Amino acid sequence: MRISRDRVISLLVIAPSILAVAVFVYGLIFWTGYISTVKWDTLRPDYTPVGLANYQSIFANNRFLMDIRNTVVFTIFFIAASLAIGLLLANLIDRRIRGEGIFRSIIVFPMAVSFIVTGVVWRWILSPGQDAAHPQGVNQLFGLDPTSNRWLTDAHVVYIQPDSPVYGVLHDIGLGFITSPNIGVPIALLSIVLAAVWQMSGFVMILYLAGLRAIPEELKEAARVDGATEWRIFRHVVFPLLTPITLSAMIILGHISLKIYDLTVAMSGSGPGFATDTPALFMWQTTFRDGEFGRGAAVAIVMLVIVAFVVVPYLVWNRRQEVEA
């Protein structure tokens, strides 16, 4: 079977990219997986096999368990707030308001800066100050007491208290572990969520605005003729048509939240009592500060698996939609 000259040229053109991806993406993933099963815990490589000992070690580490808690909390609040604010802003701008281009540019502007810049700016804004006589940031702006409004430095965790009616119910049905402080919501972490939402809600707005502009006006007019209110039109006509955009936005935001690193480093690092710590930060410190490459690789593989559980189902669903279309 003869291969055409154009086909050979095409293969030669894409061969360097394929080779680079094979080596620097998949090759390094397999290498990281291998390192996670060896004893390498010093600067000098040690390839003594230890099986799953590194994984057992990180899951027995209370800091890593709090990192998982922080990731779940951050993901839930970050995605929910970004979607809600993005959808609200898109609906407001979709009304063809005057100066739409200016407002759209202002809202999208935070995406032009990196998470490092965002973190530095919001660290200044949310810095509580030393004492009541020396407030800083929003505390100084609104006259708040730094001792009770500590923002990034607040070590409190909101969790289900023993005197709550829900506490006994959860224990009765075998879900008592949910009442642990390790399952609660760290107050300091909400400051990180606020900064992340500020940066990404404009991106979500653009996605929703494109979806709203793509919906035929005839569908809305038909619903109005039938006597539907604007809320019912949005709920039963507009919002269902925005489902693919919502799912896409959730996947993108979820991917960002699961590997968030630079924003937390710039704002608070691990925070008080690891309240703002993340698996990515834990991985970096374990690997490059402590020299425990095996454990660091195990954390990286756990992060990869978590991201895969989020992204792969979406890719499969998206592929099926394309085939059916």
C-alpha atoms as a PDB file:
ATOM      1  CA  MET A   1       0.000   0.000   0.000  1.00  0.00           C
ATOM      2  CA  ARG A   2       1.581   3.258  -1.134  1.00  0.00           C
ATOM      3  CA  ILE A   3       1.533   6.257   1.195  1.00  0.00           C
ATOM      4  CA  SER A   4       1.038   9.577  -0.557  1.00  0.00           C
ATOM      5  CA  ARG A   5       3.733  12.220  -0.393  1.00  0.00           C
ATOM      6  CA  ASP A   6       1.364  14.684   1.306  1.00  0.00           C
ATOM      7  CA  ARG A   7       0.582  12.174   4.030  1.00  0.00           C
ATOM      8  CA  VAL A   8       4.267  11.585   4.708  1.00  0.00           C
ATOM      9  CA  ILE A   9       4.906  15.334   4.929  1.00  0.00           C
ATOM     10  CA  SER A  10       1.937  15.726   7.300  1.00  0.00           C
ATOM     11  CA  LEU A  11       3.242  12.981   9.575  1.00  0.00           C
ATOM     12  CA  LEU A  12       6.735  14.504   9.585  1.00  0.00           C
ATOM     13  CA  VAL A  13       5.290  17.909  10.503  1.00  0.00           C
ATOM     14  CA  ILE A  14       3.331  16.653  13.519  1.00  0.00           C
ATOM     15  CA  ALA A  15       5.938  14.070  14.597  1.00  0.00           C
ATOM     16  CA  PRO A  16       7.926  16.520  16.804  1.00  0.00           C
ATOM     17  CA  SER A  17       4.758  17.543  18.657  1.00  0.00           C
ATOM     18  CA  ILE A  18       3.712  13.921  19.150  1.00  0.00           C
ATOM     19  CA  LEU A  19       7.190  13.043  20.411  1.00  0.00           C
ATOM     20  CA  ALA A  20       7.270  16.026  22.770  1.00  0.00           C
ATOM     21  CA  VAL A  21       3.845  15.157  24.240  1.00  0.00           C
ATOM     22  CA  ALA A  22       4.819  11.488  24.571  1.00  0.00           C
ATOM     23  CA  VAL A  23       8.014  12.340  26.451  1.00  0.00           C
ATOM     24  CA  PHE A  24       7.190  15.443  28.462  1.00  0.00           C
ATOM     25  CA  VAL A  25       3.555  14.647  29.307  1.00  0.00           C
ATOM     26  CA  TYR A  26       2.842  10.938  29.358  1.00  0.00           C
ATOM     27  CA  GLY A  27       6.466   9.936  29.899  1.00  0.00           C
ATOM     28  CA  LEU A  28       6.782  12.156  32.968  1.00  0.00           C
ATOM     29  CA  ILE A  29       3.413  10.947  34.268  1.00  0.00           C
ATOM     30  CA  PHE A  30       4.647   7.351  34.171  1.00  0.00           C
ATOM     31  CA  TRP A  31       7.950   8.428  35.719  1.00  0.00           C
ATOM     32  CA  THR A  32       6.114  10.204  38.559  1.00  0.00           C
ATOM     33  CA  GLY A  33       4.008   7.098  39.100  1.00  0.00           C
ATOM     34  CA  TYR A  34       7.152   5.006  39.341  1.00  0.00           C
ATOM     35  CA  ILE A  35       8.844   7.431  41.766  1.00  0.00           C
ATOM     36  CA  SER A  36       5.756   7.254  43.997  1.00  0.00           C
ATOM     37  CA  THR A  37       6.472   3.564  44.604  1.00  0.00           C
ATOM     38  CA  VAL A  38      10.140   3.890  45.643  1.00  0.00           C
ATOM     39  CA  LYS A  39      11.913   4.978  48.829  1.00  0.00           C
ATOM     40  CA  TRP A  40      13.496   8.183  47.440  1.00  0.00           C
ATOM     41  CA  ASP A  41      13.381  10.443  50.525  1.00  0.00           C
ATOM     42  CA  THR A  42      16.711  12.294  50.243  1.00  0.00           C
ATOM     43  CA  LEU A  43      18.447  14.371  47.603  1.00  0.00           C
ATOM     44  CA  ARG A  44      20.269  11.249  46.449  1.00  0.00           C
ATOM     45  CA  PRO A  45      17.971   9.007  44.350  1.00  0.00           C
ATOM     46  CA  ASP A  46      16.931   5.773  46.029  1.00  0.00           C
ATOM     47  CA  TYR A  47      14.935   3.411  43.830  1.00  0.00           C
ATOM     48  CA  THR A  48      14.261   0.788  46.490  1.00  0.00           C
ATOM     49  CA  PRO A  49      10.679  -0.414  45.894  1.00  0.00           C
ATOM     50  CA  VAL A  50       8.266   0.305  48.753  1.00  0.00           C
ATOM     51  CA  GLY A  51       4.957  -0.470  47.042  1.00  0.00           C
ATOM     52  CA  LEU A  52       2.123   1.730  48.270  1.00  0.00           C
ATOM     53  CA  ALA A  53       3.920   2.862  51.427  1.00  0.00           C
ATOM     54  CA  ASN A  54       4.178   6.454  50.220  1.00  0.00           C
ATOM     55  CA  TYR A  55       0.425   6.563  49.590  1.00  0.00           C
ATOM     56  CA  GLN A  56      -0.267   5.130  53.028  1.00  0.00           C
ATOM     57  CA  SER A  57       2.033   7.749  54.517  1.00  0.00           C
ATOM     58  CA  ILE A  58       0.308  10.752  52.934  1.00  0.00           C
ATOM     59  CA  PHE A  59      -3.195   9.508  53.767  1.00  0.00           C
ATOM     60  CA  ALA A  60      -2.069   9.014  57.359  1.00  0.00           C
ATOM     61  CA  ASN A  61      -0.832  12.618  57.410  1.00  0.00           C
ATOM     62  CA  ASN A  62      -3.411  14.910  59.004  1.00  0.00           C
ATOM     63  CA  ARG A  63      -2.177  17.862  56.931  1.00  0.00           C
ATOM     64  CA  PHE A  64      -2.921  16.050  53.673  1.00  0.00           C
ATOM     65  CA  LEU A  65      -6.400  15.148  54.908  1.00  0.00           C
ATOM     66  CA  MET A  66      -7.023  18.822  55.688  1.00  0.00           C
ATOM     67  CA  ASP A  67      -5.730  19.661  52.207  1.00  0.00           C
ATOM     68  CA  ILE A  68      -8.358  17.373  50.713  1.00  0.00           C
ATOM     69  CA  ARG A  69     -10.974  19.070  52.909  1.00  0.00           C
ATOM     70  CA  ASN A  70      -9.780  22.479  51.754  1.00  0.00           C
ATOM     71  CA  THR A  71      -9.904  21.414  48.115  1.00  0.00           C
ATOM     72  CA  VAL A  72     -13.483  20.174  48.425  1.00  0.00           C
ATOM     73  CA  VAL A  73     -14.611  23.330  50.245  1.00  0.00           C
ATOM     74  CA  PHE A  74     -12.792  25.621  47.830  1.00  0.00           C
ATOM     75  CA  THR A  75     -14.192  23.795  44.790  1.00  0.00           C
ATOM     76  CA  ILE A  76     -17.800  23.921  46.001  1.00  0.00           C
ATOM     77  CA  PHE A  77     -17.794  27.612  46.952  1.00  0.00           C
ATOM     78  CA  PHE A  78     -15.639  28.689  44.005  1.00  0.00           C
ATOM     79  CA  ILE A  79     -17.740  26.964  41.345  1.00  0.00           C
ATOM     80  CA  ALA A  80     -21.095  27.911  42.883  1.00  0.00           C
ATOM     81  CA  ALA A  81     -20.200  31.588  43.326  1.00  0.00           C
ATOM     82  CA  SER A  82     -18.524  31.925  39.920  1.00  0.00           C
ATOM     83  CA  LEU A  83     -21.483  30.366  38.118  1.00  0.00           C
ATOM     84  CA  ALA A  84     -24.054  32.436  39.997  1.00  0.00           C
ATOM     85  CA  ILE A  85     -22.243  35.750  39.555  1.00  0.00           C
ATOM     86  CA  GLY A  86     -21.296  34.986  35.953  1.00  0.00           C
ATOM     87  CA  LEU A  87     -24.874  34.106  35.035  1.00  0.00           C
ATOM     88  CA  LEU A  88     -26.243  37.213  36.784  1.00  0.00           C
ATOM     89  CA  LEU A  89     -23.790  39.512  35.018  1.00  0.00           C
ATOM     90  CA  ALA A  90     -24.471  37.856  31.662  1.00  0.00           C
ATOM     91  CA  ASN A  91     -28.222  38.377  32.065  1.00  0.00           C
ATOM     92  CA  LEU A  92     -27.726  42.039  32.953  1.00  0.00           C
ATOM     93  CA  ILE A  93     -25.437  42.715  29.994  1.00  0.00           C
ATOM     94  CA  ASP A  94     -27.673  40.725  27.645  1.00  0.00           C
ATOM     95  CA  ARG A  95     -30.321  43.423  28.084  1.00  0.00           C
ATOM     96  CA  ARG A  96     -28.362  45.616  25.612  1.00  0.00           C
ATOM     97  CA  ILE A  97     -27.562  48.229  28.223  1.00  0.00           C
ATOM     98  CA  ARG A  98     -25.771  51.442  27.295  1.00  0.00           C
ATOM     99  CA  GLY A  99     -22.001  51.205  27.559  1.00  0.00           C
ATOM    100  CA  GLU A 100     -22.152  47.419  27.323  1.00  0.00           C
ATOM    101  CA  GLY A 101     -18.643  47.212  25.879  1.00  0.00           C
ATOM    102  CA  ILE A 102     -17.175  49.220  28.754  1.00  0.00           C
ATOM    103  CA  PHE A 103     -18.867  47.130  31.436  1.00  0.00           C
ATOM    104  CA  ARG A 104     -17.913  43.906  29.689  1.00  0.00           C
ATOM    105  CA  SER A 105     -14.270  44.970  29.489  1.00  0.00           C
ATOM    106  CA  ILE A 106     -14.184  45.984  33.162  1.00  0.00           C
ATOM    107  CA  ILE A 107     -15.692  42.686  34.287  1.00  0.00           C
ATOM    108  CA  VAL A 108     -13.347  40.607  32.133  1.00  0.00           C
ATOM    109  CA  PHE A 109     -10.263  42.657  33.062  1.00  0.00           C
ATOM    110  CA  PRO A 110      -9.265  40.463  36.073  1.00  0.00           C
ATOM    111  CA  MET A 111      -8.598  37.617  33.649  1.00  0.00           C
ATOM    112  CA  ALA A 112      -5.769  39.698  32.153  1.00  0.00           C
ATOM    113  CA  VAL A 113      -3.688  39.267  35.328  1.00  0.00           C
ATOM    114  CA  SER A 114      -2.210  36.110  36.760  1.00  0.00           C
ATOM    115  CA  PHE A 115      -3.270  34.436  39.993  1.00  0.00           C
ATOM    116  CA  ILE A 116      -0.002  35.643  41.538  1.00  0.00           C
ATOM    117  CA  VAL A 117      -0.935  39.280  40.900  1.00  0.00           C
ATOM    118  CA  THR A 118      -4.480  38.637  42.097  1.00  0.00           C
ATOM    119  CA  GLY A 119      -3.138  37.037  45.260  1.00  0.00           C
ATOM    120  CA  VAL A 120      -0.816  39.932  46.047  1.00  0.00           C
ATOM    121  CA  VAL A 121      -3.572  42.517  45.532  1.00  0.00           C
ATOM    122  CA  TRP A 122      -6.134  40.659  47.627  1.00  0.00           C
ATOM    123  CA  ARG A 123      -3.560  40.002  50.339  1.00  0.00           C
ATOM    124  CA  TRP A 124      -3.219  43.766  50.691  1.00  0.00           C
ATOM    125  CA  ILE A 125      -6.991  44.210  50.663  1.00  0.00           C
ATOM    126  CA  LEU A 126      -7.696  41.476  53.222  1.00  0.00           C
ATOM    127  CA  SER A 127      -4.744  42.101  55.502  1.00  0.00           C
ATOM    128  CA  PRO A 128      -6.473  42.702  58.865  1.00  0.00           C
ATOM    129  CA  GLY A 129      -3.837  44.853  60.570  1.00  0.00           C
ATOM    130  CA  GLN A 130      -1.926  44.460  63.801  1.00  0.00           C
ATOM    131  CA  ASP A 131      -4.512  45.744  66.286  1.00  0.00           C
ATOM    132  CA  ALA A 132      -7.544  47.992  66.641  1.00  0.00           C
ATOM    133  CA  ALA A 133      -5.347  51.071  66.403  1.00  0.00           C
ATOM    134  CA  HIS A 134      -3.699  49.954  63.177  1.00  0.00           C
ATOM    135  CA  PRO A 135      -6.301  48.404  60.832  1.00  0.00           C
ATOM    136  CA  GLN A 136      -5.456  47.733  57.206  1.00  0.00           C
ATOM    137  CA  GLY A 137      -7.247  46.962  53.964  1.00  0.00           C
ATOM    138  CA  VAL A 138     -11.016  46.579  54.170  1.00  0.00           C
ATOM    139  CA  ASN A 139     -10.878  46.896  57.957  1.00  0.00           C
ATOM    140  CA  GLN A 140      -9.434  50.390  57.620  1.00  0.00           C
ATOM    141  CA  LEU A 141     -11.808  51.257  54.780  1.00  0.00           C
ATOM    142  CA  PHE A 142     -14.988  50.282  56.651  1.00  0.00           C
ATOM    143  CA  GLY A 143     -13.784  50.915  60.201  1.00  0.00           C
ATOM    144  CA  LEU A 144     -13.821  47.239  61.232  1.00  0.00           C
ATOM    145  CA  ASP A 145     -12.023  45.798  64.228  1.00  0.00           C
ATOM    146  CA  PRO A 146      -9.007  43.716  63.090  1.00  0.00           C
ATOM    147  CA  THR A 147      -9.252  41.479  66.159  1.00  0.00           C
ATOM    148  CA  SER A 148     -12.703  40.203  65.135  1.00  0.00           C
ATOM    149  CA  ASN A 149     -12.307  40.517  61.346  1.00  0.00           C
ATOM    150  CA  ARG A 150      -9.074  38.692  60.650  1.00  0.00           C
ATOM    151  CA  TRP A 151      -9.865  37.454  57.146  1.00  0.00           C
ATOM    152  CA  LEU A 152      -6.765  35.608  55.919  1.00  0.00           C
ATOM    153  CA  THR A 153      -5.455  35.032  59.432  1.00  0.00           C
ATOM    154  CA  ASP A 154      -8.674  33.626  60.915  1.00  0.00           C
ATOM    155  CA  ALA A 155      -7.963  30.069  62.090  1.00  0.00           C
ATOM    156  CA  HIS A 156     -11.581  29.222  62.960  1.00  0.00           C
ATOM    157  CA  VAL A 157     -13.333  26.327  61.235  1.00  0.00           C
ATOM    158  CA  VAL A 158     -17.125  26.325  60.975  1.00  0.00           C
ATOM    159  CA  TYR A 159     -18.441  22.799  61.590  1.00  0.00           C
ATOM    160  CA  ILE A 160     -21.502  21.063  63.027  1.00  0.00           C
ATOM    161  CA  GLN A 161     -21.495  21.621  66.778  1.00  0.00           C
ATOM    162  CA  PRO A 162     -22.484  18.878  69.275  1.00  0.00           C
ATOM    163  CA  ASP A 163     -25.450  20.978  70.495  1.00  0.00           C
ATOM    164  CA  SER A 164     -26.899  21.170  66.965  1.00  0.00           C
ATOM    165  CA  PRO A 165     -29.976  19.010  66.172  1.00  0.00           C
ATOM    166  CA  VAL A 166     -28.248  17.850  63.001  1.00  0.00           C
ATOM    167  CA  TYR A 167     -25.356  16.461  65.059  1.00  0.00           C
ATOM    168  CA  GLY A 168     -27.417  13.705  66.663  1.00  0.00           C
ATOM    169  CA  VAL A 169     -29.192  12.822  63.405  1.00  0.00           C
ATOM    170  CA  LEU A 170     -25.919  12.342  61.549  1.00  0.00           C
ATOM    171  CA  HIS A 171     -24.553  10.125  64.306  1.00  0.00           C
ATOM    172  CA  ASP A 172     -27.749   8.057  64.351  1.00  0.00           C
ATOM    173  CA  ILE A 173     -27.504   7.297  60.628  1.00  0.00           C
ATOM    174  CA  GLY A 174     -23.792   6.496  60.729  1.00  0.00           C
ATOM    175  CA  LEU A 175     -22.499   9.786  59.298  1.00  0.00           C
ATOM    176  CA  GLY A 176     -20.966  11.105  62.480  1.00  0.00           C
ATOM    177  CA  PHE A 177     -17.617  11.668  60.790  1.00  0.00           C
ATOM    178  CA  ILE A 178     -19.160  14.673  59.015  1.00  0.00           C
ATOM    179  CA  THR A 179     -19.331  16.464  62.372  1.00  0.00           C
ATOM    180  CA  SER A 180     -15.543  16.429  62.713  1.00  0.00           C
ATOM    181  CA  PRO A 181     -13.796  19.850  62.589  1.00  0.00           C
ATOM    182  CA  ASN A 182     -11.697  18.401  59.766  1.00  0.00           C
ATOM    183  CA  ILE A 183     -14.862  18.357  57.626  1.00  0.00           C
ATOM    184  CA  GLY A 184     -15.805  21.971  58.390  1.00  0.00           C
ATOM    185  CA  VAL A 185     -15.316  25.205  56.452  1.00  0.00           C
ATOM    186  CA  PRO A 186     -12.160  27.205  57.302  1.00  0.00           C
ATOM    187  CA  ILE A 187     -12.951  30.928  57.517  1.00  0.00           C
ATOM    188  CA  ALA A 188      -9.562  31.929  56.093  1.00  0.00           C
ATOM    189  CA  LEU A 189     -10.188  29.778  53.017  1.00  0.00           C
ATOM    190  CA  LEU A 190     -13.231  31.875  52.100  1.00  0.00           C
ATOM    191  CA  SER A 191     -10.892  34.816  51.499  1.00  0.00           C
ATOM    192  CA  ILE A 192      -9.063  32.715  48.883  1.00  0.00           C
ATOM    193  CA  VAL A 193     -12.424  31.838  47.346  1.00  0.00           C
ATOM    194  CA  LEU A 194     -13.339  35.536  47.163  1.00  0.00           C
ATOM    195  CA  ALA A 195     -10.176  36.381  45.231  1.00  0.00           C
ATOM    196  CA  ALA A 196     -10.605  33.428  42.862  1.00  0.00           C
ATOM    197  CA  VAL A 197     -14.245  34.312  42.150  1.00  0.00           C
ATOM    198  CA  TRP A 198     -13.244  37.926  41.453  1.00  0.00           C
ATOM    199  CA  GLN A 199     -10.839  36.721  38.787  1.00  0.00           C
ATOM    200  CA  MET A 200     -12.908  33.974  37.132  1.00  0.00           C
ATOM    201  CA  SER A 201     -16.513  35.213  37.281  1.00  0.00           C
ATOM    202  CA  GLY A 202     -15.858  37.414  34.242  1.00  0.00           C
ATOM    203  CA  PHE A 203     -14.791  34.365  32.266  1.00  0.00           C
ATOM    204  CA  VAL A 204     -18.017  32.594  33.214  1.00  0.00           C
ATOM    205  CA  MET A 205     -19.978  35.714  32.235  1.00  0.00           C
ATOM    206  CA  ILE A 206     -18.471  35.616  28.736  1.00  0.00           C
ATOM    207  CA  LEU A 207     -19.446  31.956  28.326  1.00  0.00           C
ATOM    208  CA  TYR A 208     -23.016  32.579  29.462  1.00  0.00           C
ATOM    209  CA  LEU A 209     -23.328  35.768  27.407  1.00  0.00           C
ATOM    210  CA  ALA A 210     -22.328  33.884  24.267  1.00  0.00           C
ATOM    211  CA  GLY A 211     -24.915  31.230  25.091  1.00  0.00           C
ATOM    212  CA  LEU A 212     -27.656  33.789  25.738  1.00  0.00           C
ATOM    213  CA  ARG A 213     -26.947  35.591  22.475  1.00  0.00           C
ATOM    214  CA  ALA A 214     -27.164  32.263  20.612  1.00  0.00           C
ATOM    215  CA  ILE A 215     -30.704  31.473  21.844  1.00  0.00           C
ATOM    216  CA  PRO A 216     -33.274  32.346  19.143  1.00  0.00           C
ATOM    217  CA  GLU A 217     -35.532  35.191  20.203  1.00  0.00           C
ATOM    218  CA  GLU A 218     -38.461  33.354  18.605  1.00  0.00           C
ATOM    219  CA  LEU A 219     -38.434  30.795  21.425  1.00  0.00           C
ATOM    220  CA  LYS A 220     -38.850  33.521  24.042  1.00  0.00           C
ATOM    221  CA  GLU A 221     -41.542  35.271  22.041  1.00  0.00           C
ATOM    222  CA  ALA A 222     -43.486  32.027  21.696  1.00  0.00           C
ATOM    223  CA  ALA A 223     -43.342  31.535  25.462  1.00  0.00           C
ATOM    224  CA  ARG A 224     -44.534  35.117  26.046  1.00  0.00           C
ATOM    225  CA  VAL A 225     -47.460  34.587  23.697  1.00  0.00           C
ATOM    226  CA  ASP A 226     -48.437  31.568  25.809  1.00  0.00           C
ATOM    227  CA  GLY A 227     -48.500  33.806  28.876  1.00  0.00           C
ATOM    228  CA  ALA A 228     -45.199  32.766  30.487  1.00  0.00           C
ATOM    229  CA  THR A 229     -43.541  35.252  32.817  1.00  0.00           C
ATOM    230  CA  GLU A 230     -39.925  36.289  32.321  1.00  0.00           C
ATOM    231  CA  TRP A 231     -38.877  34.076  35.229  1.00  0.00           C
ATOM    232  CA  ARG A 232     -40.630  31.044  33.726  1.00  0.00           C
ATOM    233  CA  ILE A 233     -39.072  31.782  30.349  1.00  0.00           C
ATOM    234  CA  PHE A 234     -35.644  31.837  31.947  1.00  0.00           C
ATOM    235  CA  ARG A 235     -36.278  28.734  34.034  1.00  0.00           C
ATOM    236  CA  HIS A 236     -37.933  26.522  31.405  1.00  0.00           C
ATOM    237  CA  VAL A 237     -36.547  27.872  28.126  1.00  0.00           C
ATOM    238  CA  VAL A 238     -33.281  29.745  28.584  1.00  0.00           C
ATOM    239  CA  PHE A 239     -31.565  27.894  31.418  1.00  0.00           C
ATOM    240  CA  PRO A 240     -32.023  24.365  29.962  1.00  0.00           C
ATOM    241  CA  LEU A 241     -30.403  25.578  26.732  1.00  0.00           C
ATOM    242  CA  LEU A 242     -27.439  26.828  28.776  1.00  0.00           C
ATOM    243  CA  THR A 243     -26.788  23.387  30.299  1.00  0.00           C
ATOM    244  CA  PRO A 244     -23.810  22.537  28.019  1.00  0.00           C
ATOM    245  CA  ILE A 245     -22.205  25.895  28.870  1.00  0.00           C
ATOM    246  CA  THR A 246     -22.802  25.346  32.580  1.00  0.00           C
ATOM    247  CA  LEU A 247     -21.194  21.914  32.398  1.00  0.00           C
ATOM    248  CA  SER A 248     -18.209  23.244  30.454  1.00  0.00           C
ATOM    249  CA  ALA A 249     -17.724  26.087  32.936  1.00  0.00           C
ATOM    250  CA  MET A 250     -17.929  23.660  35.867  1.00  0.00           C
ATOM    251  CA  ILE A 251     -15.244  21.436  34.342  1.00  0.00           C
ATOM    252  CA  ILE A 252     -12.901  24.366  33.662  1.00  0.00           C
ATOM    253  CA  LEU A 253     -13.418  25.892  37.110  1.00  0.00           C
ATOM    254  CA  GLY A 254     -13.144  22.495  38.771  1.00  0.00           C
ATOM    255  CA  HIS A 255      -9.855  21.826  37.024  1.00  0.00           C
ATOM    256  CA  ILE A 256      -8.522  25.178  38.230  1.00  0.00           C
ATOM    257  CA  SER A 257      -9.653  24.616  41.806  1.00  0.00           C
ATOM    258  CA  LEU A 258      -8.212  21.108  42.082  1.00  0.00           C
ATOM    259  CA  LYS A 259      -4.700  22.261  41.219  1.00  0.00           C
ATOM    260  CA  ILE A 260      -4.793  25.755  42.732  1.00  0.00           C
ATOM    261  CA  TYR A 261      -1.351  26.764  43.991  1.00  0.00           C
ATOM    262  CA  ASP A 262      -0.173  30.231  43.007  1.00  0.00           C
ATOM    263  CA  LEU A 263      -3.165  32.095  44.468  1.00  0.00           C
ATOM    264  CA  THR A 264      -2.824  30.516  47.913  1.00  0.00           C
ATOM    265  CA  VAL A 265       0.958  30.973  47.939  1.00  0.00           C
ATOM    266  CA  ALA A 266       0.627  34.669  47.111  1.00  0.00           C
ATOM    267  CA  MET A 267      -2.153  35.319  49.635  1.00  0.00           C
ATOM    268  CA  SER A 268      -1.514  33.228  52.735  1.00  0.00           C
ATOM    269  CA  GLY A 269       0.593  30.134  52.047  1.00  0.00           C
ATOM    270  CA  SER A 270      -0.581  27.302  54.268  1.00  0.00           C
ATOM    271  CA  GLY A 271      -2.495  29.769  56.407  1.00  0.00           C
ATOM    272  CA  PRO A 272      -3.215  29.459  60.128  1.00  0.00           C
ATOM    273  CA  GLY A 273      -3.458  25.802  61.078  1.00  0.00           C
ATOM    274  CA  PHE A 274      -3.235  24.784  57.404  1.00  0.00           C
ATOM    275  CA  ALA A 275      -6.598  26.498  56.872  1.00  0.00           C
ATOM    276  CA  THR A 276      -5.631  27.541  53.327  1.00  0.00           C
ATOM    277  CA  ASP A 277      -3.223  24.736  52.518  1.00  0.00           C
ATOM    278  CA  THR A 278      -3.696  22.802  49.261  1.00  0.00           C
ATOM    279  CA  PRO A 279      -2.427  19.480  47.898  1.00  0.00           C
ATOM    280  CA  ALA A 280      -0.304  21.322  45.321  1.00  0.00           C
ATOM    281  CA  LEU A 281       1.451  23.351  48.025  1.00  0.00           C
ATOM    282  CA  PHE A 282       1.891  20.246  50.159  1.00  0.00           C
ATOM    283  CA  MET A 283       3.378  18.403  47.177  1.00  0.00           C
ATOM    284  CA  TRP A 284       5.857  21.212  46.438  1.00  0.00           C
ATOM    285  CA  GLN A 285       7.032  21.501  50.041  1.00  0.00           C
ATOM    286  CA  THR A 286       7.262  17.735  50.495  1.00  0.00           C
ATOM    287  CA  THR A 287       9.271  17.308  47.317  1.00  0.00           C
ATOM    288  CA  PHE A 288      11.532  20.340  47.058  1.00  0.00           C
ATOM    289  CA  ARG A 289      11.796  21.593  50.641  1.00  0.00           C
ATOM    290  CA  ASP A 290      11.823  18.297  52.530  1.00  0.00           C
ATOM    291  CA  GLY A 291      13.451  16.246  49.755  1.00  0.00           C
ATOM    292  CA  GLU A 292      10.913  13.415  50.063  1.00  0.00           C
ATOM    293  CA  PHE A 293      10.486  12.811  46.350  1.00  0.00           C
ATOM    294  CA  GLY A 294       8.608   9.536  46.757  1.00  0.00           C
ATOM    295  CA  ARG A 295       5.897  11.062  48.951  1.00  0.00           C
ATOM    296  CA  GLY A 296       5.719  14.154  46.764  1.00  0.00           C
ATOM    297  CA  ALA A 297       5.218  11.988  43.691  1.00  0.00           C
ATOM    298  CA  ALA A 298       2.444  10.111  45.512  1.00  0.00           C
ATOM    299  CA  VAL A 299       0.652  13.404  46.207  1.00  0.00           C
ATOM    300  CA  ALA A 300       1.033  14.349  42.536  1.00  0.00           C
ATOM    301  CA  ILE A 301      -0.494  11.061  41.395  1.00  0.00           C
ATOM    302  CA  VAL A 302      -3.429  11.489  43.799  1.00  0.00           C
ATOM    303  CA  MET A 303      -4.018  14.963  42.352  1.00  0.00           C
ATOM    304  CA  LEU A 304      -3.850  13.535  38.819  1.00  0.00           C
ATOM    305  CA  VAL A 305      -6.436  10.877  39.674  1.00  0.00           C
ATOM    306  CA  ILE A 306      -8.783  13.467  41.207  1.00  0.00           C
ATOM    307  CA  VAL A 307      -8.519  15.705  38.138  1.00  0.00           C
ATOM    308  CA  ALA A 308      -9.062  12.694  35.868  1.00  0.00           C
ATOM    309  CA  PHE A 309     -12.277  11.812  37.723  1.00  0.00           C
ATOM    310  CA  VAL A 310     -13.530  15.307  36.902  1.00  0.00           C
ATOM    311  CA  VAL A 311     -12.277  15.760  33.342  1.00  0.00           C
ATOM    312  CA  VAL A 312     -12.513  12.288  31.770  1.00  0.00           C
ATOM    313  CA  PRO A 313     -16.308  11.837  32.224  1.00  0.00           C
ATOM    314  CA  TYR A 314     -16.815  15.242  30.600  1.00  0.00           C
ATOM    315  CA  LEU A 315     -14.601  14.323  27.649  1.00  0.00           C
ATOM    316  CA  VAL A 316     -16.511  11.063  27.186  1.00  0.00           C
ATOM    317  CA  TRP A 317     -19.855  12.875  27.358  1.00  0.00           C
ATOM    318  CA  ASN A 318     -18.667  15.564  24.952  1.00  0.00           C
ATOM    319  CA  ARG A 319     -17.441  12.928  22.508  1.00  0.00           C
ATOM    320  CA  ARG A 320     -20.793  11.159  22.585  1.00  0.00           C
ATOM    321  CA  GLN A 321     -22.592  14.438  21.949  1.00  0.00           C
ATOM    322  CA  GLU A 322     -20.431  15.062  18.887  1.00  0.00           C
ATOM    323  CA  VAL A 323     -21.090  11.562  17.553  1.00  0.00           C
ATOM    324  CA  GLU A 324     -24.853  11.880  18.065  1.00  0.00           C
ATOM    325  CA  ALA A 325     -24.841  15.281  16.362  1.00  0.00           C
END
